[in-house]
Structure formats: structure tokens, C-alpha cells
Amino acid sequence: MSKSLGNAIGIHEPPLEMYGKVMSISDEMMWRYYELLTDLQVAEIEKMKREAHPMQAKKDWHGRIVADFHSPEAAAKAGEDWAKQFQKNEVPEEIEVIDVSLENVRAIRARGGRHRRFRRCLAN
């Protein structure tokens, strides 16, 4: 995991954000993360590789990670919210609302703004 590679999962991030990052990890890389970040034995992980669907394995791994840093309830809620938003195309229960002036948007776009620059400008 690396911030510079964009695949870091911060321990202070909200559960839903953690969940989304876990789900974006490639199926192949996920198994390495299982080895490094869980207390499962390698034999158990190898068995999961053979028998579990990658999507289910990611959901299970996410539950372990978020429960460790938040709570089992937060992990379950994040899983439900993620499924609503990305699998069922429903609107999440909680949506962050940010007021942005058209002037700020134009200034960011004029500088060739991307997502990270946009957030930085909004924070200032």
C-alpha cells in the first residue's frame, strides 16, 4: 500500500471510504493484502483463493479491516451503503454536501484541475 500509488487505506478514514478502497484493489493484489493484514493462516487464504468468489473475498476482508479500526456494526453499514450505491444504483443514506462557487470551479478548471487539486482548493 502506498499513498503515491493511490492504494493506501488510512486507519482514520471513514468506514465507507475504507470499503470503497478495498473494493477497488485488484483481485490478484487482494490476496497479498490478506496475507499482510489479517491473522489468517496462509493455508486458509489458499483455500479461499480456490473456493471463494473474489467479490465475496473482498467483502469478507473489508469486514475484518473496518471492524478492526471502527466496529463490526460500522463495517456492516459500510458494506450495505456501498452495495446500495455501486451495485444497486441507489442513493446512499448519508451524502456529504459541499457548497462550491462557480468562480472556484472555473479557477480550478483553468489550472487544469483534477480531483486532488479541486479538494485542495476547496479546503483553502
C-alpha atoms as a PDB file:
ATOM      1  CA  MET A   1       0.000   0.000   0.000  1.00  0.00           C
ATOM      2  CA  SER A   2       1.252   3.412  -0.880  1.00  0.00           C
ATOM      3  CA  LYS A   3      -0.154   6.925  -0.909  1.00  0.00           C
ATOM      4  CA  SER A   4       1.872   7.727  -4.014  1.00  0.00           C
ATOM      5  CA  LEU A   5       0.378   4.736  -5.833  1.00  0.00           C
ATOM      6  CA  GLY A   6      -3.090   5.725  -4.666  1.00  0.00           C
ATOM      7  CA  ASN A   7      -3.840   2.416  -2.946  1.00  0.00           C
ATOM      8  CA  ALA A   8      -3.288   3.333   0.698  1.00  0.00           C
ATOM      9  CA  ILE A   9      -6.087   2.734   3.163  1.00  0.00           C
ATOM     10  CA  GLY A  10      -5.798   5.131   6.089  1.00  0.00           C
ATOM     11  CA  ILE A  11      -6.693   3.848   9.537  1.00  0.00           C
ATOM     12  CA  HIS A  12      -8.598   7.048  10.338  1.00  0.00           C
ATOM     13  CA  GLU A  13     -10.693   7.050   7.163  1.00  0.00           C
ATOM     14  CA  PRO A  14     -14.459   6.646   7.428  1.00  0.00           C
ATOM     15  CA  PRO A  15     -15.728   3.059   7.070  1.00  0.00           C
ATOM     16  CA  LEU A  16     -17.385   3.642   3.685  1.00  0.00           C
ATOM     17  CA  GLU A  17     -14.206   5.169   2.265  1.00  0.00           C
ATOM     18  CA  MET A  18     -12.182   2.205   3.540  1.00  0.00           C
ATOM     19  CA  TYR A  19     -14.700  -0.161   1.978  1.00  0.00           C
ATOM     20  CA  GLY A  20     -14.517   1.569  -1.392  1.00  0.00           C
ATOM     21  CA  LYS A  21     -10.740   1.401  -1.408  1.00  0.00           C
ATOM     22  CA  VAL A  22     -10.782  -2.292  -0.562  1.00  0.00           C
ATOM     23  CA  MET A  23     -13.219  -2.976  -3.362  1.00  0.00           C
ATOM     24  CA  SER A  24     -11.002  -1.129  -5.861  1.00  0.00           C
ATOM     25  CA  ILE A  25      -7.980  -3.354  -5.180  1.00  0.00           C
ATOM     26  CA  SER A  26      -7.304  -5.896  -7.910  1.00  0.00           C
ATOM     27  CA  ASP A  27      -8.332  -9.468  -7.200  1.00  0.00           C
ATOM     28  CA  GLU A  28      -4.731 -10.616  -7.509  1.00  0.00           C
ATOM     29  CA  MET A  29      -3.355  -7.987  -5.110  1.00  0.00           C
ATOM     30  CA  MET A  30      -6.147  -8.612  -2.608  1.00  0.00           C
ATOM     31  CA  TRP A  31      -4.642 -11.976  -1.657  1.00  0.00           C
ATOM     32  CA  ARG A  32      -1.336 -10.343  -0.760  1.00  0.00           C
ATOM     33  CA  TYR A  33      -3.190  -7.877   1.438  1.00  0.00           C
ATOM     34  CA  TYR A  34      -4.990 -10.792   3.094  1.00  0.00           C
ATOM     35  CA  GLU A  35      -1.587 -12.255   3.988  1.00  0.00           C
ATOM     36  CA  LEU A  36      -0.216  -8.986   5.329  1.00  0.00           C
ATOM     37  CA  LEU A  37      -3.232  -7.505   7.083  1.00  0.00           C
ATOM     38  CA  THR A  38      -5.163 -10.389   8.602  1.00  0.00           C
ATOM     39  CA  ASP A  39      -4.363 -13.062  11.129  1.00  0.00           C
ATOM     40  CA  LEU A  40      -5.474 -15.840   8.764  1.00  0.00           C
ATOM     41  CA  GLN A  41      -3.031 -18.665   8.128  1.00  0.00           C
ATOM     42  CA  VAL A  42      -1.620 -18.990   4.611  1.00  0.00           C
ATOM     43  CA  ALA A  43      -3.369 -22.367   4.236  1.00  0.00           C
ATOM     44  CA  GLU A  44      -6.739 -20.691   4.950  1.00  0.00           C
ATOM     45  CA  ILE A  45      -6.002 -17.967   2.413  1.00  0.00           C
ATOM     46  CA  GLU A  46      -5.000 -20.546  -0.212  1.00  0.00           C
ATOM     47  CA  LYS A  47      -8.265 -22.390   0.388  1.00  0.00           C
ATOM     48  CA  MET A  48     -10.201 -19.139  -0.050  1.00  0.00           C
ATOM     49  CA  LYS A  49      -8.367 -18.482  -3.329  1.00  0.00           C
ATOM     50  CA  ARG A  50      -9.613 -21.802  -4.666  1.00  0.00           C
ATOM     51  CA  GLU A  51     -13.145 -21.713  -3.292  1.00  0.00           C
ATOM     52  CA  ALA A  52     -14.323 -18.129  -2.753  1.00  0.00           C
ATOM     53  CA  HIS A  53     -15.549 -15.691  -5.371  1.00  0.00           C
ATOM     54  CA  PRO A  54     -13.222 -12.637  -5.430  1.00  0.00           C
ATOM     55  CA  MET A  55     -16.092 -10.226  -4.747  1.00  0.00           C
ATOM     56  CA  GLN A  56     -17.123 -12.164  -1.644  1.00  0.00           C
ATOM     57  CA  ALA A  57     -13.495 -12.456  -0.517  1.00  0.00           C
ATOM     58  CA  LYS A  58     -13.123  -8.664  -0.763  1.00  0.00           C
ATOM     59  CA  LYS A  59     -16.312  -8.109   1.200  1.00  0.00           C
ATOM     60  CA  ASP A  60     -15.104 -10.501   3.898  1.00  0.00           C
ATOM     61  CA  TRP A  61     -11.682  -8.837   4.016  1.00  0.00           C
ATOM     62  CA  HIS A  62     -13.270  -5.414   4.245  1.00  0.00           C
ATOM     63  CA  GLY A  63     -15.349  -6.544   7.190  1.00  0.00           C
ATOM     64  CA  ARG A  64     -12.204  -7.593   9.011  1.00  0.00           C
ATOM     65  CA  ILE A  65     -10.323  -4.371   8.266  1.00  0.00           C
ATOM     66  CA  VAL A  66     -13.119  -1.926   9.095  1.00  0.00           C
ATOM     67  CA  ALA A  67     -14.151  -3.868  12.191  1.00  0.00           C
ATOM     68  CA  ASP A  68     -10.555  -3.681  13.440  1.00  0.00           C
ATOM     69  CA  PHE A  69     -10.404   0.117  13.095  1.00  0.00           C
ATOM     70  CA  HIS A  70     -14.063   1.033  13.671  1.00  0.00           C
ATOM     71  CA  SER A  71     -16.556  -1.663  14.708  1.00  0.00           C
ATOM     72  CA  PRO A  72     -18.360  -4.689  13.271  1.00  0.00           C
ATOM     73  CA  GLU A  73     -21.528  -2.547  13.046  1.00  0.00           C
ATOM     74  CA  ALA A  74     -19.684   0.162  11.083  1.00  0.00           C
ATOM     75  CA  ALA A  75     -18.285  -2.493   8.742  1.00  0.00           C
ATOM     76  CA  ALA A  76     -21.742  -3.948   8.099  1.00  0.00           C
ATOM     77  CA  LYS A  77     -23.238  -0.489   7.484  1.00  0.00           C
ATOM     78  CA  ALA A  78     -20.436   0.465   5.095  1.00  0.00           C
ATOM     79  CA  GLY A  79     -20.973  -2.783   3.187  1.00  0.00           C
ATOM     80  CA  GLU A  80     -24.694  -2.107   2.879  1.00  0.00           C
ATOM     81  CA  ASP A  81     -24.151   1.511   1.811  1.00  0.00           C
ATOM     82  CA  TRP A  82     -21.527   0.507  -0.761  1.00  0.00           C
ATOM     83  CA  ALA A  83     -23.805  -2.162  -2.239  1.00  0.00           C
ATOM     84  CA  LYS A  84     -26.690   0.323  -2.453  1.00  0.00           C
ATOM     85  CA  GLN A  85     -24.571   2.898  -4.220  1.00  0.00           C
ATOM     86  CA  PHE A  86     -22.447   0.786  -6.556  1.00  0.00           C
ATOM     87  CA  GLN A  87     -24.329  -2.462  -7.079  1.00  0.00           C
ATOM     88  CA  LYS A  88     -27.953  -1.335  -6.864  1.00  0.00           C
ATOM     89  CA  ASN A  89     -27.506   2.266  -8.103  1.00  0.00           C
ATOM     90  CA  GLU A  90     -29.401   3.624  -5.101  1.00  0.00           C
ATOM     91  CA  VAL A  91     -28.657   6.851  -3.278  1.00  0.00           C
ATOM     92  CA  PRO A  92     -26.679   6.437  -0.021  1.00  0.00           C
ATOM     93  CA  GLU A  93     -28.378   7.421   3.231  1.00  0.00           C
ATOM     94  CA  GLU A  94     -25.665   9.963   4.023  1.00  0.00           C
ATOM     95  CA  ILE A  95     -24.272  12.267   1.360  1.00  0.00           C
ATOM     96  CA  GLU A  96     -21.697  14.950   2.036  1.00  0.00           C
ATOM     97  CA  VAL A  97     -22.888  18.291   0.719  1.00  0.00           C
ATOM     98  CA  ILE A  98     -20.326  20.901  -0.268  1.00  0.00           C
ATOM     99  CA  ASP A  99     -21.145  24.421  -1.418  1.00  0.00           C
ATOM    100  CA  VAL A 100     -18.870  25.438  -4.269  1.00  0.00           C
ATOM    101  CA  SER A 101     -18.953  28.741  -6.058  1.00  0.00           C
ATOM    102  CA  LEU A 102     -18.920  28.782  -9.838  1.00  0.00           C
ATOM    103  CA  GLU A 103     -15.912  31.089  -9.593  1.00  0.00           C
ATOM    104  CA  ASN A 104     -13.904  28.403  -7.730  1.00  0.00           C
ATOM    105  CA  VAL A 105     -14.853  25.737 -10.259  1.00  0.00           C
ATOM    106  CA  ARG A 106     -13.772  27.947 -13.171  1.00  0.00           C
ATOM    107  CA  ALA A 107     -10.471  28.793 -11.449  1.00  0.00           C
ATOM    108  CA  ILE A 108      -9.705  25.128 -10.813  1.00  0.00           C
ATOM    109  CA  ARG A 109     -10.602  24.105 -14.367  1.00  0.00           C
ATOM    110  CA  ALA A 110      -8.472  26.948 -15.755  1.00  0.00           C
ATOM    111  CA  ARG A 111      -5.485  25.476 -13.910  1.00  0.00           C
ATOM    112  CA  GLY A 112      -6.155  22.037 -15.414  1.00  0.00           C
ATOM    113  CA  GLY A 113      -7.623  20.891 -12.117  1.00  0.00           C
ATOM    114  CA  ARG A 114      -8.073  17.287 -11.230  1.00  0.00           C
ATOM    115  CA  HIS A 115      -9.836  15.711  -8.280  1.00  0.00           C
ATOM    116  CA  ARG A 116      -6.995  16.242  -5.759  1.00  0.00           C
ATOM    117  CA  ARG A 117      -6.421  19.861  -6.777  1.00  0.00           C
ATOM    118  CA  PHE A 118     -10.129  20.506  -6.582  1.00  0.00           C
ATOM    119  CA  ARG A 119     -10.272  19.231  -2.999  1.00  0.00           C
ATOM    120  CA  ARG A 120      -7.173  21.240  -2.036  1.00  0.00           C
ATOM    121  CA  CYS A 121      -8.649  24.441  -3.430  1.00  0.00           C
ATOM    122  CA  LEU A 122     -11.933  23.855  -1.637  1.00  0.00           C
ATOM    123  CA  ALA A 123     -10.109  23.336   1.642  1.00  0.00           C
ATOM    124  CA  ASN A 124      -8.393  26.725   1.339  1.00  0.00           C
END
